[in-house]
Protein backbone atom coordinates (compact mmCIF):
# COMPACT_ATOMS: atom_id res chain seq x y z
CA UNK A 1 111.75 144.93 121.74
CA UNK A 2 114.45 142.79 120.11
CA UNK A 3 112.77 140.67 117.45
CA UNK A 4 114.49 137.85 115.57
CA UNK A 5 112.93 136.59 112.33
CA UNK A 6 114.01 133.02 111.58
CA UNK A 7 113.56 132.60 107.82
CA UNK A 8 112.57 128.96 107.33
CA UNK A 9 112.02 129.23 103.57
CA UNK A 10 114.52 127.48 101.27
CA UNK A 11 113.98 130.37 98.84
CA UNK A 12 115.93 132.67 101.15
CA UNK A 13 115.65 136.32 100.13
CA UNK A 14 113.12 135.35 97.44
CA UNK A 15 110.71 134.01 100.05
CA UNK A 16 107.13 135.27 99.93
CA UNK A 17 106.87 134.80 103.69
CA UNK A 18 109.94 136.98 104.21
CA UNK A 19 108.13 139.92 102.59
CA UNK A 20 105.66 139.91 105.48
CA UNK A 21 108.57 140.15 107.91
CA UNK A 22 110.07 143.07 105.97
CA UNK A 23 106.68 144.78 105.99
CA UNK A 24 106.50 144.47 109.78
CA UNK A 25 109.94 146.07 110.07
CA UNK A 26 108.71 149.12 108.18
CA UNK A 27 105.49 149.32 110.21
CA UNK A 28 107.18 149.08 113.63
CA UNK A 29 110.44 151.08 113.53
CA UNK A 30 110.51 151.41 117.33
CA UNK A 31 111.56 147.75 117.63
CA UNK A 32 114.95 146.25 116.79
CA UNK A 33 114.95 143.50 114.13
CA UNK A 34 117.40 140.86 113.00
CA UNK A 35 117.16 137.99 110.52
CA UNK A 36 118.47 134.42 110.67
CA UNK A 37 118.49 132.60 107.33
CA UNK A 38 117.88 129.14 108.80
CA UNK A 39 116.77 127.21 105.69
CA UNK A 40 118.74 128.67 102.79
CA UNK A 41 121.80 128.94 105.04
CA UNK A 42 121.48 125.39 106.41
CA UNK A 43 124.81 124.23 104.97
CA UNK A 44 126.67 126.78 107.08
CA UNK A 45 124.73 125.90 110.22
CA UNK A 46 125.54 122.20 109.75
CA UNK A 47 129.18 123.24 110.31
CA UNK A 48 128.71 125.97 112.91
CA UNK A 49 125.61 126.86 114.95
CA UNK A 50 127.38 129.58 116.93
CA UNK A 51 125.85 132.45 114.87
CA UNK A 52 122.38 131.00 115.51
CA UNK A 53 123.08 130.64 119.23
CA UNK A 54 124.22 134.26 119.40
CA UNK A 55 121.12 135.50 117.55
CA UNK A 56 118.76 133.57 119.82
CA UNK A 57 120.61 134.88 122.85
CA UNK A 58 120.08 138.47 121.62
CA UNK A 59 116.35 138.11 120.89
CA UNK A 60 113.44 138.75 123.21
CA UNK A 61 110.84 137.63 120.67
CA UNK A 62 111.56 134.97 118.03
CA UNK A 63 109.32 134.69 114.95
CA UNK A 64 109.72 131.59 112.80
CA UNK A 65 108.58 132.51 109.27
CA UNK A 66 108.12 129.79 106.67
CA UNK A 67 105.91 128.40 103.88
CA UNK A 68 104.00 125.21 104.70
CA UNK A 69 105.45 122.28 102.74
CA UNK A 70 103.62 118.94 102.69
CA UNK A 71 101.73 119.13 106.01
CA UNK A 72 104.72 120.48 108.00
CA UNK A 73 107.64 122.91 107.91
CA UNK A 74 110.11 122.66 104.99
CA UNK A 75 112.72 119.93 105.44
CA UNK A 76 115.49 122.53 105.77
CA UNK A 77 113.81 124.17 108.76
CA UNK A 78 113.07 120.71 110.13
CA UNK A 79 116.78 119.91 110.01
CA UNK A 80 117.62 123.29 111.60
CA UNK A 81 115.41 122.37 114.57
CA UNK A 82 117.24 119.04 114.83
CA UNK A 83 120.54 120.93 114.88
CA UNK A 84 119.25 123.09 117.73
CA UNK A 85 118.60 119.92 119.72
CA UNK A 86 121.89 118.30 118.77
CA UNK A 87 123.93 121.40 119.68
CA UNK A 88 121.95 122.07 122.89
CA UNK A 89 120.67 125.47 121.81
CA UNK A 90 117.88 126.39 124.20
CA UNK A 91 115.07 128.93 123.88
CA UNK A 92 114.36 128.76 127.59
CA UNK A 93 112.11 131.65 128.67
CA UNK A 94 112.26 133.22 125.19
CA UNK A 95 108.95 134.17 123.60
CA UNK A 96 108.47 132.47 120.26
CA UNK A 97 105.75 132.46 117.62
CA UNK A 98 105.34 131.69 113.92
CA UNK A 99 104.19 133.30 110.70
CA UNK A 100 103.34 131.08 107.74
CA UNK A 101 102.11 131.53 104.19
CA UNK A 102 100.32 128.77 102.32
CA UNK A 103 97.01 127.90 100.72
CA UNK A 104 95.93 126.57 104.14
CA UNK A 105 96.62 122.96 103.16
CA UNK A 106 97.12 121.40 106.61
CA UNK A 107 98.65 124.56 108.04
CA UNK A 108 97.24 123.43 111.41
CA UNK A 109 99.56 120.40 111.56
CA UNK A 110 102.56 122.51 110.55
CA UNK A 111 101.81 125.01 113.32
CA UNK A 112 101.31 122.29 115.91
CA UNK A 113 104.57 120.59 114.92
CA UNK A 114 106.55 123.80 115.45
CA UNK A 115 104.73 124.58 118.69
CA UNK A 116 105.66 121.17 120.09
CA UNK A 117 109.31 121.63 119.11
CA UNK A 118 109.46 125.16 120.54
CA UNK A 119 107.96 123.84 123.77
CA UNK A 120 110.67 121.15 123.90
CA UNK A 121 113.32 123.86 123.44
CA UNK A 122 111.95 125.74 126.45
CA UNK A 123 110.25 128.61 124.62
CA UNK A 124 107.16 130.43 125.80
CA UNK A 125 104.93 129.83 122.78
CA UNK A 126 102.60 132.50 121.38
CA UNK A 127 99.95 131.37 118.91
CA UNK A 128 101.05 132.15 115.35
CA UNK A 129 99.48 133.55 112.19
CA UNK A 130 98.59 131.41 109.17
CA UNK A 131 98.23 133.68 106.15
CA UNK A 132 97.40 133.04 102.53
CA UNK A 133 100.30 133.59 100.15
CA UNK A 134 98.61 136.68 98.72
CA UNK A 135 97.30 138.23 101.95
CA UNK A 136 100.05 140.85 102.06
CA UNK A 137 98.71 142.23 98.77
CA UNK A 138 95.34 143.06 100.35
CA UNK A 139 94.41 145.73 102.86
CA UNK A 140 92.68 143.15 105.06
CA UNK A 141 95.73 140.88 104.98
CA UNK A 142 98.06 143.70 105.99
CA UNK A 143 95.71 144.64 108.83
CA UNK A 144 95.66 141.04 110.12
CA UNK A 145 99.46 140.87 109.91
CA UNK A 146 100.04 144.03 111.95
CA UNK A 147 97.40 143.02 114.50
CA UNK A 148 99.13 139.66 114.89
CA UNK A 149 102.48 141.35 115.53
CA UNK A 150 100.95 143.72 118.08
CA UNK A 151 99.43 140.69 119.81
CA UNK A 152 102.79 138.87 119.88
CA UNK A 153 104.53 141.92 121.36
CA UNK A 154 101.73 142.34 123.90
CA UNK A 155 102.15 138.73 125.03
CA UNK A 156 105.93 139.05 125.32
CA UNK A 157 105.69 142.31 127.27
CA UNK A 158 103.05 140.98 129.65
CA UNK A 159 104.36 137.44 130.20
CA UNK A 160 101.39 135.79 128.46
CA UNK A 161 101.88 132.59 126.51
CA UNK A 162 100.21 129.32 125.52
CA UNK A 163 100.64 126.67 128.20
CA UNK A 164 100.73 123.78 125.78
CA UNK A 165 99.64 120.29 126.57
CA UNK A 166 102.71 118.85 124.93
CA UNK A 167 102.93 115.09 124.35
CA UNK A 168 104.01 113.36 127.53
CA UNK A 169 107.42 111.79 127.45
CA UNK A 170 107.05 108.14 126.53
CA UNK A 171 108.33 105.62 129.05
CA UNK A 172 111.69 104.10 128.24
CA UNK A 173 111.21 101.24 125.80
CA UNK A 174 113.46 98.26 125.55
CA UNK A 175 115.07 97.93 122.10
CA UNK A 176 112.88 95.92 119.75
CA UNK A 177 114.30 92.49 119.00
CA UNK A 178 113.19 90.25 116.13
CA UNK A 179 110.94 87.43 117.30
CA UNK A 180 108.82 86.44 114.29
CA UNK A 181 109.38 83.50 111.98
CA UNK A 182 108.89 84.02 108.27
CA UNK A 183 105.60 82.81 106.83
CA UNK A 184 105.37 81.17 103.42
CA UNK A 185 105.55 83.82 100.72
CA UNK A 186 102.92 84.29 98.01
CA UNK A 187 103.42 85.80 94.57
CA UNK A 188 101.39 88.49 92.88
CA UNK A 189 102.01 91.79 94.66
CA UNK A 190 105.02 94.08 94.89
CA UNK A 191 105.38 95.69 98.34
CA UNK A 192 108.14 98.21 99.00
CA UNK A 193 109.36 99.22 102.46
CA UNK A 194 110.77 102.76 102.43
CA UNK A 195 112.86 103.49 105.49
CA UNK A 196 115.41 105.85 106.95
CA UNK A 197 117.60 103.12 108.43
CA UNK A 198 120.80 104.53 109.89
CA UNK A 199 123.81 102.55 111.04
CA UNK A 200 123.29 101.39 114.61
CA UNK A 201 119.48 101.68 114.56
CA UNK A 202 118.98 98.01 115.38
CA UNK A 203 115.42 98.44 116.72
CA UNK A 204 114.17 99.78 113.39
CA UNK A 205 116.14 97.11 111.54
CA UNK A 206 114.41 94.44 113.64
CA UNK A 207 110.96 95.96 112.98
CA UNK A 208 111.59 95.88 109.24
CA UNK A 209 112.87 92.31 109.44
CA UNK A 210 109.85 91.10 111.41
CA UNK A 211 107.33 92.82 109.15
CA UNK A 212 108.99 91.24 106.11
CA UNK A 213 108.78 87.88 107.88
CA UNK A 214 105.12 88.24 108.88
CA UNK A 215 103.83 89.71 105.62
CA UNK A 216 102.56 86.98 103.27
CA UNK A 217 103.99 88.62 100.13
CA UNK A 218 107.59 89.32 99.27
CA UNK A 219 108.93 92.76 100.14
CA UNK A 220 111.86 94.87 98.97
CA UNK A 221 113.59 97.67 100.84
CA UNK A 222 114.56 101.19 99.77
CA UNK A 223 116.80 102.90 102.31
CA UNK A 224 116.58 106.70 102.18
CA UNK A 225 119.70 106.90 104.33
CA UNK A 226 121.70 105.57 101.36
CA UNK A 227 120.24 107.90 98.74
CA UNK A 228 122.53 110.81 97.66
CA UNK A 229 120.07 113.68 98.14
CA UNK A 230 121.55 116.93 96.85
CA UNK A 231 119.11 118.92 98.97
CA UNK A 232 115.53 119.54 100.00
CA UNK A 233 112.78 121.00 97.84
CA UNK A 234 113.54 124.63 96.95
CA UNK A 235 109.97 125.59 96.08
CA UNK A 236 111.28 126.89 92.74
CA UNK A 237 108.36 125.40 90.72
CA UNK A 238 110.73 124.29 87.95
CA UNK A 239 109.00 120.90 88.08
CA UNK A 240 105.65 122.60 87.45
CA UNK A 241 106.85 124.52 84.41
CA UNK A 242 109.60 122.34 82.90
CA UNK A 243 108.40 119.01 84.30
CA UNK A 244 111.77 118.24 85.91
CA UNK A 245 113.40 118.85 89.27
CA UNK A 246 116.39 121.23 89.25
CA UNK A 247 118.38 118.65 91.23
CA UNK A 248 120.07 115.98 89.12
CA UNK A 249 120.43 113.35 91.81
CA UNK A 250 118.09 110.71 90.37
CA UNK A 251 115.27 111.22 92.86
CA UNK A 252 112.60 111.38 90.15
CA UNK A 253 113.62 107.93 88.92
CA UNK A 254 113.85 106.50 92.45
CA UNK A 255 110.36 107.75 93.26
CA UNK A 256 108.63 106.61 90.10
CA UNK A 257 110.52 103.42 89.29
CA UNK A 258 111.31 102.02 92.75
CA UNK A 259 108.53 103.35 95.01
CA UNK A 260 105.42 104.51 93.16
CA UNK A 261 105.59 101.45 90.92
CA UNK A 262 104.85 99.19 93.92
CA UNK A 263 101.39 97.84 94.73
CA UNK A 264 101.73 98.77 98.42
CA UNK A 265 104.04 101.10 100.34
CA UNK A 266 105.25 100.64 103.93
CA UNK A 267 107.14 103.48 105.58
CA UNK A 268 109.59 102.70 108.39
CA UNK A 269 111.11 105.32 110.69
CA UNK A 270 112.41 106.06 114.15
CA UNK A 271 110.30 108.65 115.98
CA UNK A 272 112.28 111.85 116.56
CA UNK A 273 111.30 115.43 117.40
CA UNK A 274 107.56 114.74 116.98
CA UNK A 275 108.08 113.57 113.41
CA UNK A 276 109.59 111.01 111.06
CA UNK A 277 112.87 112.96 110.96
CA UNK A 278 114.27 115.57 108.59
CA UNK A 279 115.46 113.07 105.97
CA UNK A 280 111.95 111.65 105.60
CA UNK A 281 110.70 115.24 105.43
CA UNK A 282 113.15 115.88 102.59
CA UNK A 283 111.76 112.80 100.83
CA UNK A 284 108.19 114.07 101.33
CA UNK A 285 108.99 117.57 100.07
CA UNK A 286 110.87 116.28 97.04
CA UNK A 287 107.77 114.33 95.98
CA UNK A 288 106.54 117.71 94.77
CA UNK A 289 108.33 116.79 91.52
CA UNK A 290 104.92 115.20 90.83
CA UNK A 291 103.25 118.54 91.45
CA UNK A 292 99.81 118.26 93.04
CA UNK A 293 99.17 114.87 91.44
CA UNK A 294 98.49 111.88 93.67
CA UNK A 295 100.51 109.39 91.64
CA UNK A 296 100.24 106.68 94.31
CA UNK A 297 96.46 107.08 94.55
CA UNK A 298 94.65 103.99 95.76
CA UNK A 299 97.76 102.14 96.94
CA UNK A 300 97.47 100.80 100.51
CA UNK A 301 99.92 102.18 103.08
CA UNK A 302 101.30 101.14 106.46
CA UNK A 303 103.86 102.49 108.93
CA UNK A 304 106.52 100.76 111.02
CA UNK A 305 107.29 103.09 113.92
CA UNK A 306 110.31 102.67 116.16
CA UNK A 307 108.95 104.56 119.16
CA UNK A 308 105.73 105.28 121.03
CA UNK A 309 103.30 106.99 118.66
CA UNK A 310 100.41 107.05 121.15
CA UNK A 311 101.31 110.46 122.59
CA UNK A 312 102.03 112.04 119.20
CA UNK A 313 98.54 113.13 118.20
CA UNK A 314 99.72 115.69 115.64
CA UNK A 315 102.01 113.23 113.86
CA UNK A 316 99.23 110.63 113.76
CA UNK A 317 97.01 113.27 112.17
CA UNK A 318 99.66 113.98 109.53
CA UNK A 319 100.07 110.30 108.67
CA UNK A 320 96.32 109.71 108.49
CA UNK A 321 95.84 112.84 106.39
CA UNK A 322 98.49 111.68 103.91
CA UNK A 323 96.51 108.52 103.31
CA UNK A 324 93.26 110.50 103.07
CA UNK A 325 94.59 112.95 100.50
CA UNK A 326 96.16 110.06 98.57
CA UNK A 327 92.82 108.18 98.59
CA UNK A 328 94.64 105.21 100.08
CA UNK A 329 93.80 102.56 102.65
CA UNK A 330 95.88 103.01 105.82
CA UNK A 331 96.58 99.57 107.26
CA UNK A 332 97.83 101.07 110.51
CA UNK A 333 100.93 101.66 112.64
CA UNK A 334 103.11 98.81 113.90
CA UNK A 335 105.75 98.94 116.64
CA UNK A 336 105.72 95.46 118.20
CA UNK A 337 105.01 91.82 117.31
CA UNK A 338 101.23 92.06 117.87
CA UNK A 339 100.71 95.21 115.82
CA UNK A 340 103.03 93.92 113.08
CA UNK A 341 100.75 90.88 112.73
CA UNK A 342 97.59 93.02 112.61
CA UNK A 343 99.00 95.53 110.14
CA UNK A 344 100.40 92.85 107.84
CA UNK A 345 97.03 91.05 107.74
CA UNK A 346 95.12 94.26 106.99
CA UNK A 347 97.58 95.32 104.31
CA UNK A 348 97.49 91.91 102.60
CA UNK A 349 93.68 91.89 102.63
CA UNK A 350 93.52 95.39 101.10
CA UNK A 351 95.89 94.29 98.33
CA UNK A 352 93.96 91.11 97.59
CA UNK A 353 90.57 92.82 97.61
CA UNK A 354 91.68 96.02 95.87
CA UNK A 355 90.13 97.92 98.77
CA UNK A 356 90.14 101.71 98.61
CA UNK A 357 87.86 103.49 101.12
CA UNK A 358 86.06 106.69 100.14
CA UNK A 359 87.81 109.93 101.01
CA UNK A 360 87.19 111.40 104.46
CA UNK A 361 87.38 115.08 105.43
CA UNK A 362 91.18 114.94 105.17
CA UNK A 363 91.07 113.88 101.55
CA UNK A 364 88.02 115.81 100.38
CA UNK A 365 89.07 119.09 102.00
CA UNK A 366 92.69 118.78 100.94
CA UNK A 367 91.90 117.96 97.33
CA UNK A 368 89.44 120.85 97.02
CA UNK A 369 92.19 123.28 98.05
CA UNK A 370 94.48 121.83 95.38
CA UNK A 371 91.65 121.71 92.84
CA UNK A 372 91.00 125.43 93.14
CA UNK A 373 94.72 126.25 93.09
CA UNK A 374 95.46 124.16 90.00
CA UNK A 375 92.42 125.53 88.16
CA UNK A 376 93.58 129.09 88.81
CA UNK A 377 97.19 128.36 87.81
CA UNK A 378 96.51 125.82 85.06
CA UNK A 379 98.41 127.93 82.51
CA UNK A 380 101.64 127.28 84.44
CA UNK A 381 100.80 123.98 86.16
CA UNK A 382 99.97 122.26 82.90
CA UNK A 383 100.74 118.68 83.97
CA UNK A 384 98.67 119.10 87.14
CA UNK A 385 95.81 120.57 85.09
CA UNK A 386 95.78 117.70 82.59
CA UNK A 387 95.82 115.16 85.46
CA UNK A 388 92.97 116.87 87.33
CA UNK A 389 90.94 117.15 84.15
CA UNK A 390 91.49 113.51 83.14
CA UNK A 391 90.59 112.21 86.62
CA UNK A 392 87.43 114.28 87.02
CA UNK A 393 88.82 116.30 89.93
CA UNK A 394 87.32 119.55 88.67
CA UNK A 395 84.04 118.78 90.44
CA UNK A 396 83.02 122.39 90.88
CA UNK A 397 79.58 122.33 92.54
CA UNK A 398 78.63 125.66 90.95
CA UNK A 399 78.36 123.90 87.60
CA UNK A 400 75.31 121.88 88.71
CA UNK A 401 72.89 124.51 87.50
CA UNK A 402 69.67 122.39 87.36
CA UNK A 403 70.10 121.27 90.97
CA UNK A 404 70.92 124.80 92.11
CA UNK A 405 67.86 126.19 90.34
CA UNK A 406 65.68 123.48 91.90
CA UNK A 407 66.99 124.37 95.37
CA UNK A 408 66.20 128.05 94.72
CA UNK A 409 62.60 127.19 93.85
CA UNK A 410 62.25 124.79 96.79
CA UNK A 411 63.74 127.34 99.19
CA UNK A 412 61.30 130.00 98.02
CA UNK A 413 58.36 127.65 98.51
CA UNK A 414 59.45 126.53 101.96
CA UNK A 415 59.63 130.09 103.21
CA UNK A 416 55.83 130.00 103.18
CA UNK A 417 54.39 128.56 106.42
CA UNK A 418 51.21 127.52 104.59
CA UNK A 419 53.16 125.51 101.98
CA UNK A 420 55.27 123.85 104.67
CA UNK A 421 52.05 122.66 106.36
CA UNK A 422 50.71 121.33 103.06
CA UNK A 423 53.91 119.46 102.28
CA UNK A 424 54.21 117.86 105.72
CA UNK A 425 56.36 114.74 105.62
CA UNK A 426 56.29 114.53 101.81
CA UNK A 427 59.62 116.34 101.52
CA UNK A 428 61.30 113.75 103.75
CA UNK A 429 59.65 110.99 101.73
CA UNK A 430 60.91 112.62 98.53
CA UNK A 431 64.46 112.73 99.86
CA UNK A 432 64.34 109.02 100.67
CA UNK A 433 62.68 107.96 97.39
CA UNK A 434 65.89 107.25 95.40
CA UNK A 435 67.33 105.26 98.32
CA UNK A 436 64.17 103.17 98.66
CA UNK A 437 64.33 102.46 94.93
CA UNK A 438 67.78 100.90 95.43
CA UNK A 439 66.50 98.80 98.34
CA UNK A 440 63.46 97.61 96.40
CA UNK A 441 65.35 96.60 93.26
CA UNK A 442 66.62 93.43 94.85
CA UNK A 443 70.14 93.10 96.18
CA UNK A 444 72.37 90.19 95.30
CA UNK A 445 74.22 88.65 98.25
CA UNK A 446 77.90 89.71 98.27
């Protein structure tokens, strides 16, 4: 079988994910393999996609291999997928799958994003493999990798693929036109609108204008389309060791002085390719200059969406998860006059009340993955380690020895049927005792 590996890592030949592809080549010499350096070679593909078109035309099975960056694929691979759309490169009737390496931080949303895009390009999608970065170093990891490849080949040879329930095409929407009058502005809070506003995108411009009019506090605008990005995150970890990004384009200062300094952040984008677009993805990835530190923690967020977000379940999950991991209040998504009013009211109330909801599964699960990673690599990720230590994020449950010992004793007792009968409902009463104490202490009206 003719197998094409699409290397979506900006690290190119130094990619950890690529090593899994090279291992598969050695394990399955009966197949023919080629490589397409989609991310590291993006500059060349911006000028000429003909080599990519030829490679896809040759392949019978396409494997997209990439590290998961900030909930999705790296911005360079994101842009490569946009180029495929722009240059009308189809994967019609090709079998396509994916191989990722990460610490499993929202790998599910990255996989779904690529599946949706492959479906749009006409591919017959085979469920991919999400591996840990170090799985190739273990016997079990190598076994899972080879089994996955055998499964992918089996599907391609037997015309078996995932019949995805892709988001339905949204009905044609009329361009959004500004209709709202500006309300009287209050002082006291700094709200920044961060958008990717391109020339000619009048619908998004009108959304931004109307939100600024409806929101009771003054807003300022940062346009990512005007920022001179030198490139997307390279995953080089220079920021983790030296504390600075290898790019000298001023992004660190923009992020910290113009965006993270605000009291509230509103993101504005035009829906494209099941996402916020590759430039926003570049912005998201480059925020890794802060390492695994949630610098904007507690700040309320909102989104202005030029497009129909209702059918984009995976993107909604990504946006909600960002707020959850950041321990931030999400005021909602606005795309018309009614939702702009609702979102502006919720965002203003959260600012005035200092409202930060407790973390949900998105935030708790995501932060525990980072907690364990930073603890293990604290010698190199020094700034992350100091931040996690100072903010009490090293909440390792195994350190609660008295409680663990008590549970051991209780568990041993409850294994006896006779003791369970003697205890009866007293265990339930004991569990509720501290809560009843709070209720009986007298509660002041709020």
